[in-house]
N, C-alpha and C. Protein backbone atom coordinates (compact mmCIF):
# COMPACT_ATOMS: atom_id res chain seq x y z
N MET A 1 0.84 -1.17 0.00
CA MET A 1 0.00 0.00 0.00
C MET A 1 0.89 1.24 0.00
N LYS A 2 0.53 2.18 -0.81
CA LYS A 2 1.32 3.40 -0.91
C LYS A 2 0.99 4.33 0.25
N ARG A 3 2.04 4.94 0.78
CA ARG A 3 1.86 5.92 1.87
C ARG A 3 2.05 7.32 1.31
N TYR A 4 1.14 8.17 1.66
CA TYR A 4 1.18 9.56 1.21
C TYR A 4 1.67 10.44 2.35
N ASN A 5 2.51 11.40 1.97
CA ASN A 5 3.04 12.34 2.97
C ASN A 5 2.32 13.69 2.92
N THR A 6 1.74 14.02 1.75
CA THR A 6 1.05 15.31 1.62
C THR A 6 -0.26 15.11 0.87
N PHE A 7 -1.11 16.12 1.03
CA PHE A 7 -2.37 16.10 0.28
C PHE A 7 -2.12 16.31 -1.21
N GLU A 8 -1.04 16.99 -1.56
CA GLU A 8 -0.70 17.21 -2.97
C GLU A 8 -0.42 15.87 -3.67
N GLU A 9 0.24 14.96 -2.98
CA GLU A 9 0.49 13.64 -3.54
C GLU A 9 -0.81 12.89 -3.78
N ILE A 10 -1.71 13.01 -2.84
CA ILE A 10 -3.02 12.36 -2.99
C ILE A 10 -3.77 12.97 -4.16
N ASP A 11 -3.79 14.30 -4.22
CA ASP A 11 -4.49 14.99 -5.32
C ASP A 11 -3.89 14.61 -6.67
N ARG A 12 -2.55 14.52 -6.75
CA ARG A 12 -1.89 14.16 -8.01
C ARG A 12 -2.32 12.76 -8.45
N ASP A 13 -2.29 11.81 -7.52
CA ASP A 13 -2.69 10.45 -7.86
C ASP A 13 -4.17 10.36 -8.23
N LEU A 14 -5.02 11.10 -7.54
CA LEU A 14 -6.45 11.12 -7.88
C LEU A 14 -6.67 11.69 -9.28
N LYS A 15 -5.95 12.75 -9.60
CA LYS A 15 -6.06 13.35 -10.94
C LYS A 15 -5.59 12.34 -11.99
N TYR A 16 -4.48 11.67 -11.72
CA TYR A 16 -3.98 10.66 -12.64
C TYR A 16 -5.01 9.55 -12.85
N LEU A 17 -5.60 9.07 -11.78
CA LEU A 17 -6.58 7.98 -11.88
C LEU A 17 -7.83 8.41 -12.62
N ARG A 18 -8.27 9.67 -12.42
CA ARG A 18 -9.43 10.17 -13.16
C ARG A 18 -9.13 10.23 -14.65
N LEU A 19 -7.94 10.75 -14.99
CA LEU A 19 -7.56 10.83 -16.40
C LEU A 19 -7.44 9.44 -17.02
N LYS A 20 -6.84 8.51 -16.30
CA LYS A 20 -6.72 7.13 -16.79
C LYS A 20 -8.09 6.52 -16.99
N SER A 21 -9.00 6.78 -16.09
CA SER A 21 -10.37 6.27 -16.22
C SER A 21 -11.04 6.84 -17.47
N GLN A 22 -10.85 8.13 -17.73
CA GLN A 22 -11.44 8.75 -18.92
C GLN A 22 -10.84 8.16 -20.20
N ILE A 23 -9.53 7.93 -20.19
CA ILE A 23 -8.87 7.34 -21.36
C ILE A 23 -9.40 5.93 -21.60
N ASP A 24 -9.52 5.15 -20.54
CA ASP A 24 -10.04 3.78 -20.66
C ASP A 24 -11.47 3.78 -21.21
N LEU A 25 -12.28 4.73 -20.74
CA LEU A 25 -13.65 4.84 -21.22
C LEU A 25 -13.69 5.17 -22.71
N GLU A 26 -12.84 6.11 -23.14
CA GLU A 26 -12.79 6.48 -24.56
C GLU A 26 -12.31 5.30 -25.41
N GLU A 27 -11.33 4.54 -24.90
CA GLU A 27 -10.86 3.37 -25.64
C GLU A 27 -11.96 2.33 -25.77
N MET A 28 -12.76 2.16 -24.73
CA MET A 28 -13.89 1.22 -24.80
C MET A 28 -14.90 1.69 -25.83
N LYS A 29 -15.18 2.98 -25.86
CA LYS A 29 -16.13 3.51 -26.84
C LYS A 29 -15.62 3.28 -28.26
N MET A 30 -14.33 3.53 -28.47
CA MET A 30 -13.75 3.33 -29.81
C MET A 30 -13.83 1.86 -30.21
N GLY A 31 -13.53 0.96 -29.29
CA GLY A 31 -13.61 -0.47 -29.58
C GLY A 31 -15.02 -0.90 -29.90
N LEU A 32 -15.99 -0.36 -29.17
CA LEU A 32 -17.39 -0.69 -29.42
C LEU A 32 -17.82 -0.20 -30.79
N ASN A 33 -17.42 1.01 -31.15
CA ASN A 33 -17.77 1.55 -32.47
C ASN A 33 -17.14 0.73 -33.58
N GLU A 34 -15.88 0.31 -33.40
CA GLU A 34 -15.23 -0.52 -34.41
C GLU A 34 -15.95 -1.86 -34.54
N SER A 35 -16.37 -2.43 -33.43
CA SER A 35 -17.10 -3.70 -33.46
C SER A 35 -18.42 -3.54 -34.19
N LYS A 36 -19.13 -2.45 -33.90
CA LYS A 36 -20.41 -2.21 -34.58
C LYS A 36 -20.22 -2.10 -36.09
N GLU A 37 -19.17 -1.37 -36.52
CA GLU A 37 -18.91 -1.21 -37.94
C GLU A 37 -18.58 -2.56 -38.58
N THR A 38 -17.77 -3.35 -37.91
CA THR A 38 -17.40 -4.66 -38.45
C THR A 38 -18.62 -5.55 -38.59
N ILE A 39 -19.47 -5.57 -37.58
CA ILE A 39 -20.68 -6.39 -37.62
C ILE A 39 -21.61 -5.89 -38.72
N ARG A 40 -21.76 -4.57 -38.81
CA ARG A 40 -22.64 -4.01 -39.83
C ARG A 40 -22.13 -4.35 -41.23
N ASP A 41 -20.81 -4.26 -41.43
CA ASP A 41 -20.25 -4.57 -42.74
C ASP A 41 -20.33 -6.06 -43.05
N THR A 42 -20.08 -6.88 -42.05
CA THR A 42 -20.06 -8.33 -42.26
C THR A 42 -21.45 -8.88 -42.53
N PHE A 43 -22.44 -8.39 -41.82
CA PHE A 43 -23.78 -8.94 -41.92
C PHE A 43 -24.74 -8.08 -42.73
N SER A 44 -24.20 -7.26 -43.62
CA SER A 44 -25.08 -6.48 -44.47
C SER A 44 -25.75 -7.44 -45.46
N PRO A 45 -26.96 -7.11 -45.91
CA PRO A 45 -27.66 -8.01 -46.84
C PRO A 45 -26.86 -8.32 -48.10
N ILE A 46 -26.17 -7.33 -48.63
CA ILE A 46 -25.39 -7.55 -49.85
C ILE A 46 -24.26 -8.54 -49.59
N ASN A 47 -23.56 -8.38 -48.46
CA ASN A 47 -22.47 -9.30 -48.15
C ASN A 47 -22.98 -10.71 -47.88
N LEU A 48 -24.13 -10.83 -47.22
CA LEU A 48 -24.69 -12.15 -46.97
C LEU A 48 -25.07 -12.84 -48.28
N ILE A 49 -25.70 -12.11 -49.17
CA ILE A 49 -26.10 -12.68 -50.47
C ILE A 49 -24.86 -13.04 -51.29
N ALA A 50 -23.89 -12.14 -51.33
CA ALA A 50 -22.67 -12.40 -52.09
C ALA A 50 -21.94 -13.62 -51.54
N GLY A 51 -21.87 -13.73 -50.23
CA GLY A 51 -21.21 -14.88 -49.61
C GLY A 51 -21.92 -16.18 -49.93
N THR A 52 -23.24 -16.15 -49.90
CA THR A 52 -24.03 -17.35 -50.21
C THR A 52 -23.84 -17.76 -51.67
N VAL A 53 -23.93 -16.80 -52.56
CA VAL A 53 -23.76 -17.09 -53.99
C VAL A 53 -22.35 -17.62 -54.25
N ALA A 54 -21.36 -16.98 -53.65
CA ALA A 54 -19.97 -17.43 -53.85
C ALA A 54 -19.78 -18.85 -53.35
N SER A 55 -20.40 -19.17 -52.22
CA SER A 55 -20.29 -20.52 -51.67
C SER A 55 -20.93 -21.54 -52.60
N ILE A 56 -22.08 -21.24 -53.13
CA ILE A 56 -22.78 -22.14 -54.05
C ILE A 56 -21.97 -22.34 -55.32
N VAL A 57 -21.45 -21.25 -55.87
CA VAL A 57 -20.64 -21.34 -57.09
C VAL A 57 -19.39 -22.16 -56.85
N LYS A 58 -18.75 -21.95 -55.71
CA LYS A 58 -17.53 -22.70 -55.38
C LYS A 58 -17.83 -24.19 -55.28
N LYS A 59 -18.91 -24.54 -54.60
CA LYS A 59 -19.26 -25.96 -54.46
C LYS A 59 -19.62 -26.57 -55.81
N ALA A 60 -20.34 -25.84 -56.65
CA ALA A 60 -20.70 -26.34 -57.97
C ALA A 60 -19.45 -26.55 -58.81
N PHE A 61 -18.50 -25.63 -58.73
CA PHE A 61 -17.25 -25.75 -59.47
C PHE A 61 -16.47 -26.97 -59.01
N VAL A 62 -16.35 -27.15 -57.72
CA VAL A 62 -15.62 -28.30 -57.18
C VAL A 62 -16.28 -29.60 -57.63
N LEU A 63 -17.61 -29.67 -57.55
CA LEU A 63 -18.31 -30.87 -57.99
C LEU A 63 -18.08 -31.14 -59.47
N LYS A 64 -18.07 -30.10 -60.26
CA LYS A 64 -17.84 -30.24 -61.70
C LYS A 64 -16.44 -30.77 -61.97
N VAL A 65 -15.45 -30.23 -61.27
CA VAL A 65 -14.07 -30.67 -61.45
C VAL A 65 -13.91 -32.12 -61.01
N VAL A 66 -14.47 -32.46 -59.87
CA VAL A 66 -14.39 -33.83 -59.37
C VAL A 66 -15.07 -34.78 -60.35
N ASP A 67 -16.20 -34.38 -60.87
CA ASP A 67 -16.91 -35.21 -61.84
C ASP A 67 -16.06 -35.43 -63.09
N LYS A 68 -15.39 -34.40 -63.57
CA LYS A 68 -14.54 -34.51 -64.75
C LYS A 68 -13.35 -35.42 -64.48
N LEU A 69 -12.76 -35.29 -63.29
CA LEU A 69 -11.57 -36.08 -62.96
C LEU A 69 -11.90 -37.54 -62.72
N ILE A 70 -12.97 -37.78 -61.99
CA ILE A 70 -13.30 -39.15 -61.59
C ILE A 70 -14.28 -39.79 -62.57
N GLY A 71 -15.12 -39.00 -63.16
CA GLY A 71 -16.08 -39.52 -64.12
C GLY A 71 -17.22 -40.25 -63.45
N ILE A 72 -17.66 -39.75 -62.32
CA ILE A 72 -18.77 -40.38 -61.62
C ILE A 72 -20.07 -40.09 -62.38
N LYS A 73 -20.79 -41.16 -62.64
CA LYS A 73 -22.09 -41.02 -63.30
C LYS A 73 -23.16 -41.45 -62.32
N THR A 74 -24.33 -40.88 -62.45
CA THR A 74 -25.43 -41.29 -61.59
C THR A 74 -25.94 -42.64 -62.04
N VAL A 75 -26.32 -43.44 -61.08
CA VAL A 75 -26.81 -44.79 -61.36
C VAL A 75 -28.32 -44.78 -61.20
N LYS A 76 -28.99 -45.28 -62.24
CA LYS A 76 -30.44 -45.36 -62.16
C LYS A 76 -30.84 -46.65 -61.48
N THR A 77 -31.82 -46.55 -60.62
CA THR A 77 -32.34 -47.75 -59.97
C THR A 77 -33.67 -48.08 -60.59
N ASN A 78 -34.17 -49.25 -60.27
CA ASN A 78 -35.48 -49.69 -60.78
C ASN A 78 -36.60 -48.78 -60.33
N ASP A 79 -36.45 -48.18 -59.13
CA ASP A 79 -37.49 -47.30 -58.61
C ASP A 79 -37.63 -46.04 -59.47
N GLU A 80 -36.54 -45.60 -60.07
CA GLU A 80 -36.58 -44.38 -60.86
C GLU A 80 -37.24 -44.59 -62.21
N ASP A 81 -37.30 -45.83 -62.69
CA ASP A 81 -37.90 -46.10 -64.00
C ASP A 81 -39.42 -46.02 -63.95
N ASP A 82 -40.01 -46.16 -62.79
CA ASP A 82 -41.48 -46.15 -62.66
C ASP A 82 -42.08 -44.84 -62.90
């Protein structure tokens, strides 16, 4: 525990702690605003649609390439002929 010899020392430390508290509060506000912007940008309707379309196209492309390389054909069963 710190020992104080004068009221000036106490006042100086209190002023320092108040300023540090204000800085910490402003840093929290900045972090919150950055998080909001990131969430807003990430989950915007355009980004969600673009991500979904890109995922579908990627999977279709991979399936097409695999089909070309392996040559997998669909097999008809007797149930499908009915």
